[in-house]
Full PDB file with SEQRES, HELIX, SHEET, SSBOND, CRYST1, ORIGX, SCALE, CONECT and MASTER records, all heavy atoms in Angstrom:
SEQRES   1 A   40  MET PHE SER LEU ASP SER ARG SER ARG GLU PRO ILE TYR          
SEQRES   2 A   40  VAL GLN LEU GLU LYS GLU ILE VAL LYS PHE ILE ASN LEU          
SEQRES   3 A   40  GLY VAL TYR GLU ALA ASP SER PRO LEU PRO SER VAL ARG          
SEQRES   4 A   40  ALA                                                          
HELIX    1 AA1 ILE A   12  ASN A   25  1                                  14    
CRYST1    1.000    1.000    1.000  90.00  90.00  90.00 P 1           1          
ORIGX1      1.000000  0.000000  0.000000        0.00000                         
ORIGX2      0.000000  1.000000  0.000000        0.00000                         
ORIGX3      0.000000  0.000000  1.000000        0.00000                         
SCALE1      1.000000  0.000000  0.000000        0.00000                         
SCALE2      0.000000  1.000000  0.000000        0.00000                         
SCALE3      0.000000  0.000000  1.000000        0.00000                         
ATOM      1  N   MET A   1      92.723  94.455 224.487  1.00  0.00           N  
ATOM      2  CA  MET A   1      92.735  93.756 223.220  1.00  0.00           C  
ATOM      3  C   MET A   1      91.937  92.460 223.301  1.00  0.00           C  
ATOM      4  O   MET A   1      91.110  92.191 222.456  1.00  0.00           O  
ATOM      5  CB  MET A   1      94.183  93.473 222.823  1.00  0.00           C  
ATOM      6  CG  MET A   1      94.330  92.836 221.495  1.00  0.00           C  
ATOM      7  SD  MET A   1      95.995  93.079 220.915  1.00  0.00           S  
ATOM      8  CE  MET A   1      96.288  91.571 220.119  1.00  0.00           C  
ATOM      9  N   PHE A   2      92.196  91.660 224.326  1.00  0.00           N  
ATOM     10  CA  PHE A   2      91.464  90.407 224.485  1.00  0.00           C  
ATOM     11  C   PHE A   2      90.153  90.698 225.197  1.00  0.00           C  
ATOM     12  O   PHE A   2      90.091  91.504 226.105  1.00  0.00           O  
ATOM     13  CB  PHE A   2      92.272  89.391 225.291  1.00  0.00           C  
ATOM     14  CG  PHE A   2      93.543  88.967 224.622  1.00  0.00           C  
ATOM     15  CD1 PHE A   2      94.762  89.303 225.172  1.00  0.00           C  
ATOM     16  CD2 PHE A   2      93.525  88.238 223.449  1.00  0.00           C  
ATOM     17  CE1 PHE A   2      95.939  88.913 224.563  1.00  0.00           C  
ATOM     18  CE2 PHE A   2      94.695  87.842 222.827  1.00  0.00           C  
ATOM     19  CZ  PHE A   2      95.913  88.187 223.384  1.00  0.00           C  
ATOM     20  N   SER A   3      89.099  89.984 224.780  1.00  0.00           N  
ATOM     21  CA  SER A   3      87.781  90.180 225.361  1.00  0.00           C  
ATOM     22  C   SER A   3      87.439  88.986 226.250  1.00  0.00           C  
ATOM     23  O   SER A   3      87.207  87.886 225.747  1.00  0.00           O  
ATOM     24  CB  SER A   3      86.752  90.325 224.238  1.00  0.00           C  
ATOM     25  OG  SER A   3      85.469  90.424 224.775  1.00  0.00           O  
ATOM     26  N   LEU A   4      87.420  89.223 227.556  1.00  0.00           N  
ATOM     27  CA  LEU A   4      87.105  88.166 228.516  1.00  0.00           C  
ATOM     28  C   LEU A   4      85.851  88.549 229.285  1.00  0.00           C  
ATOM     29  O   LEU A   4      85.632  89.711 229.600  1.00  0.00           O  
ATOM     30  CB  LEU A   4      88.263  87.955 229.488  1.00  0.00           C  
ATOM     31  CG  LEU A   4      89.628  87.653 228.866  1.00  0.00           C  
ATOM     32  CD1 LEU A   4      90.700  87.541 229.940  1.00  0.00           C  
ATOM     33  CD2 LEU A   4      89.579  86.392 228.036  1.00  0.00           C  
ATOM     34  N   ASP A   5      85.024  87.552 229.598  1.00  0.00           N  
ATOM     35  CA  ASP A   5      83.769  87.782 230.306  1.00  0.00           C  
ATOM     36  C   ASP A   5      83.840  87.102 231.669  1.00  0.00           C  
ATOM     37  O   ASP A   5      83.757  85.881 231.756  1.00  0.00           O  
ATOM     38  CB  ASP A   5      82.604  87.237 229.491  1.00  0.00           C  
ATOM     39  CG  ASP A   5      81.254  87.466 230.138  1.00  0.00           C  
ATOM     40  OD1 ASP A   5      81.194  88.137 231.203  1.00  0.00           O  
ATOM     41  OD2 ASP A   5      80.258  86.982 229.584  1.00  0.00           O  
ATOM     42  N   SER A   6      83.976  87.895 232.714  1.00  0.00           N  
ATOM     43  CA  SER A   6      84.105  87.339 234.069  1.00  0.00           C  
ATOM     44  C   SER A   6      82.811  86.689 234.550  1.00  0.00           C  
ATOM     45  O   SER A   6      82.825  85.905 235.493  1.00  0.00           O  
ATOM     46  CB  SER A   6      84.540  88.423 235.049  1.00  0.00           C  
ATOM     47  OG  SER A   6      83.585  89.461 235.089  1.00  0.00           O  
ATOM     48  N   ARG A   7      81.688  86.981 233.887  1.00  0.00           N  
ATOM     49  CA  ARG A   7      80.407  86.389 234.282  1.00  0.00           C  
ATOM     50  C   ARG A   7      80.129  85.069 233.562  1.00  0.00           C  
ATOM     51  O   ARG A   7      79.155  84.381 233.875  1.00  0.00           O  
ATOM     52  CB  ARG A   7      79.274  87.376 234.015  1.00  0.00           C  
ATOM     53  CG  ARG A   7      79.359  88.628 234.870  1.00  0.00           C  
ATOM     54  CD  ARG A   7      78.218  89.551 234.549  1.00  0.00           C  
ATOM     55  NE  ARG A   7      78.135  89.801 233.112  1.00  0.00           N  
ATOM     56  CZ  ARG A   7      78.361  90.957 232.525  1.00  0.00           C  
ATOM     57  NH1 ARG A   7      78.677  91.991 233.246  1.00  0.00           N  
ATOM     58  NH2 ARG A   7      78.270  91.081 231.223  1.00  0.00           N  
ATOM     59  N   SER A   8      80.962  84.737 232.604  1.00  0.00           N  
ATOM     60  CA  SER A   8      80.758  83.508 231.836  1.00  0.00           C  
ATOM     61  C   SER A   8      81.031  82.283 232.708  1.00  0.00           C  
ATOM     62  O   SER A   8      81.848  82.323 233.626  1.00  0.00           O  
ATOM     63  CB  SER A   8      81.708  83.491 230.634  1.00  0.00           C  
ATOM     64  OG  SER A   8      81.662  82.248 229.973  1.00  0.00           O  
ATOM     65  N   ARG A   9      80.355  81.192 232.374  1.00  0.00           N  
ATOM     66  CA  ARG A   9      80.614  79.932 233.074  1.00  0.00           C  
ATOM     67  C   ARG A   9      81.908  79.292 232.570  1.00  0.00           C  
ATOM     68  O   ARG A   9      82.428  78.386 233.197  1.00  0.00           O  
ATOM     69  CB  ARG A   9      79.440  78.970 232.897  1.00  0.00           C  
ATOM     70  CG  ARG A   9      78.193  79.469 233.589  1.00  0.00           C  
ATOM     71  CD  ARG A   9      77.051  78.502 233.626  1.00  0.00           C  
ATOM     72  NE  ARG A   9      76.936  77.623 232.476  1.00  0.00           N  
ATOM     73  CZ  ARG A   9      76.462  76.396 232.530  1.00  0.00           C  
ATOM     74  NH1 ARG A   9      76.047  75.912 233.681  1.00  0.00           N  
ATOM     75  NH2 ARG A   9      76.375  75.658 231.451  1.00  0.00           N  
ATOM     76  N   GLU A  10      82.397  79.774 231.441  1.00  0.00           N  
ATOM     77  CA  GLU A  10      83.630  79.248 230.873  1.00  0.00           C  
ATOM     78  C   GLU A  10      84.817  79.860 231.631  1.00  0.00           C  
ATOM     79  O   GLU A  10      84.865  81.077 231.827  1.00  0.00           O  
ATOM     80  CB  GLU A  10      83.700  79.618 229.395  1.00  0.00           C  
ATOM     81  CG  GLU A  10      84.860  79.014 228.665  1.00  0.00           C  
ATOM     82  CD  GLU A  10      84.744  79.246 227.166  1.00  0.00           C  
ATOM     83  OE1 GLU A  10      84.571  80.395 226.755  1.00  0.00           O  
ATOM     84  OE2 GLU A  10      84.819  78.256 226.434  1.00  0.00           O  
ATOM     85  N   PRO A  11      85.772  79.033 232.058  1.00  0.00           N  
ATOM     86  CA  PRO A  11      86.914  79.565 232.808  1.00  0.00           C  
ATOM     87  C   PRO A  11      87.682  80.633 232.017  1.00  0.00           C  
ATOM     88  O   PRO A  11      87.750  80.579 230.783  1.00  0.00           O  
ATOM     89  CB  PRO A  11      87.801  78.334 233.021  1.00  0.00           C  
ATOM     90  CG  PRO A  11      86.899  77.163 232.852  1.00  0.00           C  
ATOM     91  CD  PRO A  11      85.838  77.587 231.883  1.00  0.00           C  
ATOM     92  N   ILE A  12      88.233  81.589 232.730  1.00  0.00           N  
ATOM     93  CA  ILE A  12      88.963  82.693 232.117  1.00  0.00           C  
ATOM     94  C   ILE A  12      90.121  82.179 231.272  1.00  0.00           C  
ATOM     95  O   ILE A  12      90.361  82.673 230.171  1.00  0.00           O  
ATOM     96  CB  ILE A  12      89.467  83.683 233.190  1.00  0.00           C  
ATOM     97  CG1 ILE A  12      88.287  84.348 233.918  1.00  0.00           C  
ATOM     98  CG2 ILE A  12      90.389  84.741 232.580  1.00  0.00           C  
ATOM     99  CD1 ILE A  12      87.444  85.253 233.058  1.00  0.00           C  
ATOM    100  N   TYR A  13      90.845  81.160 231.748  1.00  0.00           N  
ATOM    101  CA  TYR A  13      91.998  80.685 230.990  1.00  0.00           C  
ATOM    102  C   TYR A  13      91.567  80.085 229.648  1.00  0.00           C  
ATOM    103  O   TYR A  13      92.270  80.232 228.640  1.00  0.00           O  
ATOM    104  CB  TYR A  13      92.841  79.687 231.798  1.00  0.00           C  
ATOM    105  CG  TYR A  13      92.275  78.298 231.935  1.00  0.00           C  
ATOM    106  CD1 TYR A  13      92.603  77.300 231.023  1.00  0.00           C  
ATOM    107  CD2 TYR A  13      91.406  77.979 232.981  1.00  0.00           C  
ATOM    108  CE1 TYR A  13      92.090  76.017 231.145  1.00  0.00           C  
ATOM    109  CE2 TYR A  13      90.882  76.709 233.112  1.00  0.00           C  
ATOM    110  CZ  TYR A  13      91.227  75.729 232.193  1.00  0.00           C  
ATOM    111  OH  TYR A  13      90.716  74.459 232.307  1.00  0.00           O  
ATOM    112  N   VAL A  14      90.383  79.455 229.603  1.00  0.00           N  
ATOM    113  CA  VAL A  14      89.874  78.899 228.343  1.00  0.00           C  
ATOM    114  C   VAL A  14      89.476  80.046 227.407  1.00  0.00           C  
ATOM    115  O   VAL A  14      89.762  80.006 226.205  1.00  0.00           O  
ATOM    116  CB  VAL A  14      88.684  77.949 228.593  1.00  0.00           C  
ATOM    117  CG1 VAL A  14      88.038  77.510 227.289  1.00  0.00           C  
ATOM    118  CG2 VAL A  14      89.126  76.743 229.403  1.00  0.00           C  
ATOM    119  N   GLN A  15      88.823  81.062 227.950  1.00  0.00           N  
ATOM    120  CA  GLN A  15      88.469  82.228 227.143  1.00  0.00           C  
ATOM    121  C   GLN A  15      89.725  82.864 226.552  1.00  0.00           C  
ATOM    122  O   GLN A  15      89.744  83.247 225.370  1.00  0.00           O  
ATOM    123  CB  GLN A  15      87.727  83.264 227.985  1.00  0.00           C  
ATOM    124  CG  GLN A  15      86.359  82.844 228.452  1.00  0.00           C  
ATOM    125  CD  GLN A  15      85.705  83.929 229.279  1.00  0.00           C  
ATOM    126  OE1 GLN A  15      85.669  85.096 228.883  1.00  0.00           O  
ATOM    127  NE2 GLN A  15      85.183  83.552 230.439  1.00  0.00           N  
ATOM    128  N   LEU A  16      90.777  82.978 227.368  1.00  0.00           N  
ATOM    129  CA  LEU A  16      92.027  83.573 226.908  1.00  0.00           C  
ATOM    130  C   LEU A  16      92.653  82.730 225.801  1.00  0.00           C  
ATOM    131  O   LEU A  16      93.121  83.271 224.789  1.00  0.00           O  
ATOM    132  CB  LEU A  16      92.995  83.747 228.079  1.00  0.00           C  
ATOM    133  CG  LEU A  16      94.328  84.403 227.751  1.00  0.00           C  
ATOM    134  CD1 LEU A  16      94.131  85.783 227.115  1.00  0.00           C  
ATOM    135  CD2 LEU A  16      95.176  84.517 229.016  1.00  0.00           C  
ATOM    136  N   GLU A  17      92.645  81.417 225.969  1.00  0.00           N  
ATOM    137  CA  GLU A  17      93.174  80.530 224.923  1.00  0.00           C  
ATOM    138  C   GLU A  17      92.436  80.770 223.607  1.00  0.00           C  
ATOM    139  O   GLU A  17      93.061  80.893 222.546  1.00  0.00           O  
ATOM    140  CB  GLU A  17      92.998  79.061 225.323  1.00  0.00           C  
ATOM    141  CG  GLU A  17      93.888  78.599 226.434  1.00  0.00           C  
ATOM    142  CD  GLU A  17      93.551  77.185 226.894  1.00  0.00           C  
ATOM    143  OE1 GLU A  17      93.117  76.361 226.055  1.00  0.00           O  
ATOM    144  OE2 GLU A  17      93.714  76.906 228.089  1.00  0.00           O  
ATOM    145  N   LYS A  18      91.127  80.835 223.665  1.00  0.00           N  
ATOM    146  CA  LYS A  18      90.320  81.042 222.464  1.00  0.00           C  
ATOM    147  C   LYS A  18      90.613  82.393 221.821  1.00  0.00           C  
ATOM    148  O   LYS A  18      90.661  82.509 220.595  1.00  0.00           O  
ATOM    149  CB  LYS A  18      88.831  80.920 222.795  1.00  0.00           C  
ATOM    150  CG  LYS A  18      88.397  79.508 223.106  1.00  0.00           C  
ATOM    151  CD  LYS A  18      86.932  79.454 223.456  1.00  0.00           C  
ATOM    152  CE  LYS A  18      86.486  78.049 223.780  1.00  0.00           C  
ATOM    153  NZ  LYS A  18      85.056  77.993 224.129  1.00  0.00           N  
ATOM    154  N   GLU A  19      90.783  83.404 222.636  1.00  0.00           N  
ATOM    155  CA  GLU A  19      91.083  84.734 222.114  1.00  0.00           C  
ATOM    156  C   GLU A  19      92.440  84.749 221.407  1.00  0.00           C  
ATOM    157  O   GLU A  19      92.581  85.335 220.331  1.00  0.00           O  
ATOM    158  CB  GLU A  19      91.070  85.774 223.245  1.00  0.00           C  
ATOM    159  CG  GLU A  19      89.694  86.108 223.740  1.00  0.00           C  
ATOM    160  CD  GLU A  19      88.883  86.904 222.736  1.00  0.00           C  
ATOM    161  OE1 GLU A  19      89.258  88.047 222.418  1.00  0.00           O  
ATOM    162  OE2 GLU A  19      87.863  86.368 222.249  1.00  0.00           O  
ATOM    163  N   ILE A  20      93.423  84.102 221.991  1.00  0.00           N  
ATOM    164  CA  ILE A  20      94.753  84.049 221.373  1.00  0.00           C  
ATOM    165  C   ILE A  20      94.686  83.317 220.040  1.00  0.00           C  
ATOM    166  O   ILE A  20      95.226  83.792 219.035  1.00  0.00           O  
ATOM    167  CB  ILE A  20      95.778  83.401 222.331  1.00  0.00           C  
ATOM    168  CG1 ILE A  20      96.022  84.330 223.526  1.00  0.00           C  
ATOM    169  CG2 ILE A  20      97.086  83.088 221.604  1.00  0.00           C  
ATOM    170  CD1 ILE A  20      96.821  83.708 224.658  1.00  0.00           C  
ATOM    171  N   VAL A  21      93.991  82.179 220.007  1.00  0.00           N  
ATOM    172  CA  VAL A  21      93.840  81.418 218.759  1.00  0.00           C  
ATOM    173  C   VAL A  21      93.110  82.260 217.719  1.00  0.00           C  
ATOM    174  O   VAL A  21      93.484  82.279 216.544  1.00  0.00           O  
ATOM    175  CB  VAL A  21      93.116  80.076 219.017  1.00  0.00           C  
ATOM    176  CG1 VAL A  21      92.700  79.420 217.713  1.00  0.00           C  
ATOM    177  CG2 VAL A  21      94.007  79.145 219.826  1.00  0.00           C  
ATOM    178  N   LYS A  22      92.091  82.998 218.153  1.00  0.00           N  
ATOM    179  CA  LYS A  22      91.342  83.855 217.229  1.00  0.00           C  
ATOM    180  C   LYS A  22      92.271  84.894 216.597  1.00  0.00           C  
ATOM    181  O   LYS A  22      92.254  85.095 215.382  1.00  0.00           O  
ATOM    182  CB  LYS A  22      90.192  84.543 217.957  1.00  0.00           C  
ATOM    183  CG  LYS A  22      89.387  85.507 217.077  1.00  0.00           C  
ATOM    184  CD  LYS A  22      88.192  86.090 217.804  1.00  0.00           C  
ATOM    185  CE  LYS A  22      88.633  87.274 218.629  1.00  0.00           C  
ATOM    186  NZ  LYS A  22      87.505  87.979 219.269  1.00  0.00           N  
ATOM    187  N   PHE A  23      93.100  85.524 217.413  1.00  0.00           N  
ATOM    188  CA  PHE A  23      93.997  86.554 216.892  1.00  0.00           C  
ATOM    189  C   PHE A  23      95.085  85.956 215.993  1.00  0.00           C  
ATOM    190  O   PHE A  23      95.530  86.615 215.056  1.00  0.00           O  
ATOM    191  CB  PHE A  23      94.600  87.377 218.024  1.00  0.00           C  
ATOM    192  CG  PHE A  23      93.641  88.396 218.580  1.00  0.00           C  
ATOM    193  CD1 PHE A  23      93.174  88.302 219.872  1.00  0.00           C  
ATOM    194  CD2 PHE A  23      93.191  89.452 217.794  1.00  0.00           C  
ATOM    195  CE1 PHE A  23      92.279  89.234 220.383  1.00  0.00           C  
ATOM    196  CE2 PHE A  23      92.300  90.387 218.289  1.00  0.00           C  
ATOM    197  CZ  PHE A  23      91.848  90.289 219.585  1.00  0.00           C  
ATOM    198  N   ILE A  24      95.476  84.730 216.263  1.00  0.00           N  
ATOM    199  CA  ILE A  24      96.423  84.058 215.362  1.00  0.00           C  
ATOM    200  C   ILE A  24      95.739  83.811 214.022  1.00  0.00           C  
ATOM    201  O   ILE A  24      96.306  84.079 212.957  1.00  0.00           O  
ATOM    202  CB  ILE A  24      96.946  82.741 215.979  1.00  0.00           C  
ATOM    203  CG1 ILE A  24      97.827  83.041 217.187  1.00  0.00           C  
ATOM    204  CG2 ILE A  24      97.709  81.924 214.938  1.00  0.00           C  
ATOM    205  CD1 ILE A  24      98.199  81.817 218.019  1.00  0.00           C  
ATOM    206  N   ASN A  25      94.509  83.310 214.050  1.00  0.00           N  
ATOM    207  CA  ASN A  25      93.751  83.051 212.815  1.00  0.00           C  
ATOM    208  C   ASN A  25      93.510  84.319 212.015  1.00  0.00           C  
ATOM    209  O   ASN A  25      93.479  84.292 210.784  1.00  0.00           O  
ATOM    210  CB  ASN A  25      92.420  82.375 213.119  1.00  0.00           C  
ATOM    211  CG  ASN A  25      92.558  80.910 213.418  1.00  0.00           C  
ATOM    212  OD1 ASN A  25      93.461  80.251 212.927  1.00  0.00           O  
ATOM    213  ND2 ASN A  25      91.673  80.396 214.243  1.00  0.00           N  
ATOM    214  N   LEU A  26      93.301  85.429 212.706  1.00  0.00           N  
ATOM    215  CA  LEU A  26      93.052  86.704 212.032  1.00  0.00           C  
ATOM    216  C   LEU A  26      94.333  87.346 211.509  1.00  0.00           C  
ATOM    217  O   LEU A  26      94.281  88.360 210.816  1.00  0.00           O  
ATOM    218  CB  LEU A  26      92.333  87.673 212.975  1.00  0.00           C  
ATOM    219  CG  LEU A  26      90.902  87.305 213.369  1.00  0.00           C  
ATOM    220  CD1 LEU A  26      90.381  88.257 214.444  1.00  0.00           C  
ATOM    221  CD2 LEU A  26      89.995  87.327 212.145  1.00  0.00           C  
ATOM    222  N   GLY A  27      95.480  86.787 211.876  1.00  0.00           N  
ATOM    223  CA  GLY A  27      96.750  87.332 211.406  1.00  0.00           C  
ATOM    224  C   GLY A  27      97.314  88.443 212.271  1.00  0.00           C  
ATOM    225  O   GLY A  27      98.313  89.060 211.921  1.00  0.00           O  
ATOM    226  N   VAL A  28      96.676  88.707 213.420  1.00  0.00           N  
ATOM    227  CA  VAL A  28      97.204  89.716 214.334  1.00  0.00           C  
ATOM    228  C   VAL A  28      98.549  89.252 214.879  1.00  0.00           C  
ATOM    229  O   VAL A  28      99.493  90.042 214.991  1.00  0.00           O  
ATOM    230  CB  VAL A  28      96.206  89.990 215.487  1.00  0.00           C  
ATOM    231  CG1 VAL A  28      96.802  90.928 216.522  1.00  0.00           C  
ATOM    232  CG2 VAL A  28      94.902  90.543 214.933  1.00  0.00           C  
ATOM    233  N   TYR A  29      98.627  87.974 215.213  1.00  0.00           N  
ATOM    234  CA  TYR A  29      99.883  87.354 215.644  1.00  0.00           C  
ATOM    235  C   TYR A  29     100.319  86.384 214.559  1.00  0.00           C  
ATOM    236  O   TYR A  29      99.599  85.451 214.236  1.00  0.00           O  
ATOM    237  CB  TYR A  29      99.706  86.594 216.961  1.00  0.00           C  
ATOM    238  CG  TYR A  29      99.470  87.473 218.161  1.00  0.00           C  
ATOM    239  CD1 TYR A  29      98.277  87.420 218.855  1.00  0.00           C  
ATOM    240  CD2 TYR A  29     100.442  88.357 218.599  1.00  0.00           C  
ATOM    241  CE1 TYR A  29      98.055  88.223 219.959  1.00  0.00           C  
ATOM    242  CE2 TYR A  29     100.232  89.166 219.696  1.00  0.00           C  
ATOM    243  CZ  TYR A  29      99.039  89.093 220.378  1.00  0.00           C  
ATOM    244  OH  TYR A  29      98.827  89.882 221.465  1.00  0.00           O  
ATOM    245  N   GLU A  30     101.481  86.634 213.996  1.00  0.00           N  
ATOM    246  CA  GLU A  30     102.017  85.754 212.962  1.00  0.00           C  
ATOM    247  C   GLU A  30     103.039  84.810 213.579  1.00  0.00           C  
ATOM    248  O   GLU A  30     103.436  84.978 214.736  1.00  0.00           O  
ATOM    249  CB  GLU A  30     102.646  86.595 211.856  1.00  0.00           C  
ATOM    250  CG  GLU A  30     101.632  87.477 211.139  1.00  0.00           C  
ATOM    251  CD  GLU A  30     102.264  88.355 210.086  1.00  0.00           C  
ATOM    252  OE1 GLU A  30     103.513  88.427 210.019  1.00  0.00           O  
ATOM    253  OE2 GLU A  30     101.509  88.968 209.324  1.00  0.00           O  
ATOM    254  N   ALA A  31     103.495  83.841 212.789  1.00  0.00           N  
ATOM    255  CA  ALA A  31     104.504  82.887 213.260  1.00  0.00           C  
ATOM    256  C   ALA A  31     105.727  83.633 213.787  1.00  0.00           C  
ATOM    257  O   ALA A  31     106.188  84.604 213.186  1.00  0.00           O  
ATOM    258  CB  ALA A  31     104.912  81.952 212.128  1.00  0.00           C  
ATOM    259  N   ASP A  32     106.194  83.183 214.928  1.00  0.00           N  
ATOM    260  CA  ASP A  32     107.373  83.726 215.621  1.00  0.00           C  
ATOM    261  C   ASP A  32     107.177  85.122 216.203  1.00  0.00           C  
ATOM    262  O   ASP A  32     108.125  85.719 216.690  1.00  0.00           O  
ATOM    263  CB  ASP A  32     108.617  83.700 214.719  1.00  0.00           C  
ATOM    264  CG  ASP A  32     109.041  82.282 214.380  1.00  0.00           C  
ATOM    265  OD1 ASP A  32     108.957  81.410 215.267  1.00  0.00           O  
ATOM    266  OD2 ASP A  32     109.452  82.040 213.230  1.00  0.00           O  
ATOM    267  N   SER A  33     105.963  85.663 216.155  1.00  0.00           N  
ATOM    268  CA  SER A  33     105.744  86.956 216.794  1.00  0.00           C  
ATOM    269  C   SER A  33     105.556  86.739 218.296  1.00  0.00           C  
ATOM    270  O   SER A  33     104.993  85.730 218.725  1.00  0.00           O  
ATOM    271  CB  SER A  33     104.555  87.694 216.182  1.00  0.00           C  
ATOM    272  OG  SER A  33     103.358  87.007 216.407  1.00  0.00           O  
ATOM    273  N   PRO A  34     106.043  87.672 219.086  1.00  0.00           N  
ATOM    274  CA  PRO A  34     105.954  87.501 220.548  1.00  0.00           C  
ATOM    275  C   PRO A  34     104.560  87.792 221.082  1.00  0.00           C  
ATOM    276  O   PRO A  34     103.843  88.645 220.568  1.00  0.00           O  
ATOM    277  CB  PRO A  34     106.958  88.527 221.076  1.00  0.00           C  
ATOM    278  CG  PRO A  34     106.979  89.597 220.033  1.00  0.00           C  
ATOM    279  CD  PRO A  34     106.753  88.892 218.717  1.00  0.00           C  
ATOM    280  N   LEU A  35     104.200  87.061 222.113  1.00  0.00           N  
ATOM    281  CA  LEU A  35     102.987  87.341 222.878  1.00  0.00           C  
ATOM    282  C   LEU A  35     103.410  88.129 224.114  1.00  0.00           C  
ATOM    283  O   LEU A  35     104.577  88.075 224.517  1.00  0.00           O  
ATOM    284  CB  LEU A  35     102.307  86.039 223.289  1.00  0.00           C  
ATOM    285  CG  LEU A  35     101.696  85.205 222.170  1.00  0.00           C  
ATOM    286  CD1 LEU A  35     101.204  83.866 222.704  1.00  0.00           C  
ATOM    287  CD2 LEU A  35     100.555  85.945 221.512  1.00  0.00           C  
ATOM    288  N   PRO A  36     102.474  88.826 224.735  1.00  0.00           N  
ATOM    289  CA  PRO A  36     102.829  89.550 225.962  1.00  0.00           C  
ATOM    290  C   PRO A  36     103.316  88.579 227.038  1.00  0.00           C  
ATOM    291  O   PRO A  36     102.895  87.417 227.081  1.00  0.00           O  
ATOM    292  CB  PRO A  36     101.515  90.200 226.392  1.00  0.00           C  
ATOM    293  CG  PRO A  36     100.653  90.196 225.182  1.00  0.00           C  
ATOM    294  CD  PRO A  36     101.084  89.028 224.356  1.00  0.00           C  
ATOM    295  N   SER A  37     104.187  89.062 227.906  1.00  0.00           N  
ATOM    296  CA  SER A  37     104.648  88.222 229.012  1.00  0.00           C  
ATOM    297  C   SER A  37     103.473  87.899 229.918  1.00  0.00           C  
ATOM    298  O   SER A  37     102.448  88.582 229.909  1.00  0.00           O  
ATOM    299  CB  SER A  37     105.730  88.948 229.807  1.00  0.00           C  
ATOM    300  OG  SER A  37     105.161  90.024 230.538  1.00  0.00           O  
ATOM    301  N   VAL A  38     103.625  86.844 230.696  1.00  0.00           N  
ATOM    302  CA  VAL A  38     102.570  86.431 231.623  1.00  0.00           C  
ATOM    303  C   VAL A  38     102.202  87.592 232.542  1.00  0.00           C  
ATOM    304  O   VAL A  38     101.025  87.933 232.705  1.00  0.00           O  
ATOM    305  CB  VAL A  38     103.013  85.192 232.441  1.00  0.00           C  
ATOM    306  CG1 VAL A  38     102.060  84.927 233.595  1.00  0.00           C  
ATOM    307  CG2 VAL A  38     103.135  83.977 231.543  1.00  0.00           C  
ATOM    308  N   ARG A  39     103.199  88.207 233.108  1.00  0.00           N  
ATOM    309  CA  ARG A  39     102.955  89.290 234.069  1.00  0.00           C  
ATOM    310  C   ARG A  39     102.286  90.491 233.394  1.00  0.00           C  
ATOM    311  O   ARG A  39     101.333  91.063 233.917  1.00  0.00           O  
ATOM    312  CB  ARG A  39     104.267  89.714 234.722  1.00  0.00           C  
ATOM    313  CG  ARG A  39     104.075  90.666 235.884  1.00  0.00           C  
ATOM    314  CD  ARG A  39     105.352  90.901 236.641  1.00  0.00           C  
ATOM    315  NE  ARG A  39     105.856  89.622 237.128  1.00  0.00           N  
ATOM    316  CZ  ARG A  39     107.124  89.382 237.409  1.00  0.00           C  
ATOM    317  NH1 ARG A  39     108.023  90.315 237.260  1.00  0.00           N  
ATOM    318  NH2 ARG A  39     107.509  88.211 237.854  1.00  0.00           N  
ATOM    319  N   ALA A  40     102.780  90.869 232.204  1.00  0.00           N  
ATOM    320  CA  ALA A  40     102.217  92.024 231.499  1.00  0.00           C  
ATOM    321  C   ALA A  40     100.763  91.775 231.111  1.00  0.00           C  
ATOM    322  O   ALA A  40      99.911  92.655 231.278  1.00  0.00           O  
ATOM    323  CB  ALA A  40     103.050  92.346 230.267  1.00  0.00           C  
TER     324      ALA A  40                                                      
MASTER        0    0    0    1    0    0    0    6  323    1    0    4          
END                                                                             
């Protein structure tokens, strides 16, 4: 679901943050909806 680029100079955790924010903005994740666990 999330698109991360291991070759990017941008750290993976920053890419992940941006992807999560993008999906919140798109309405994929709404208020109070759960995100996957860290391990999952």
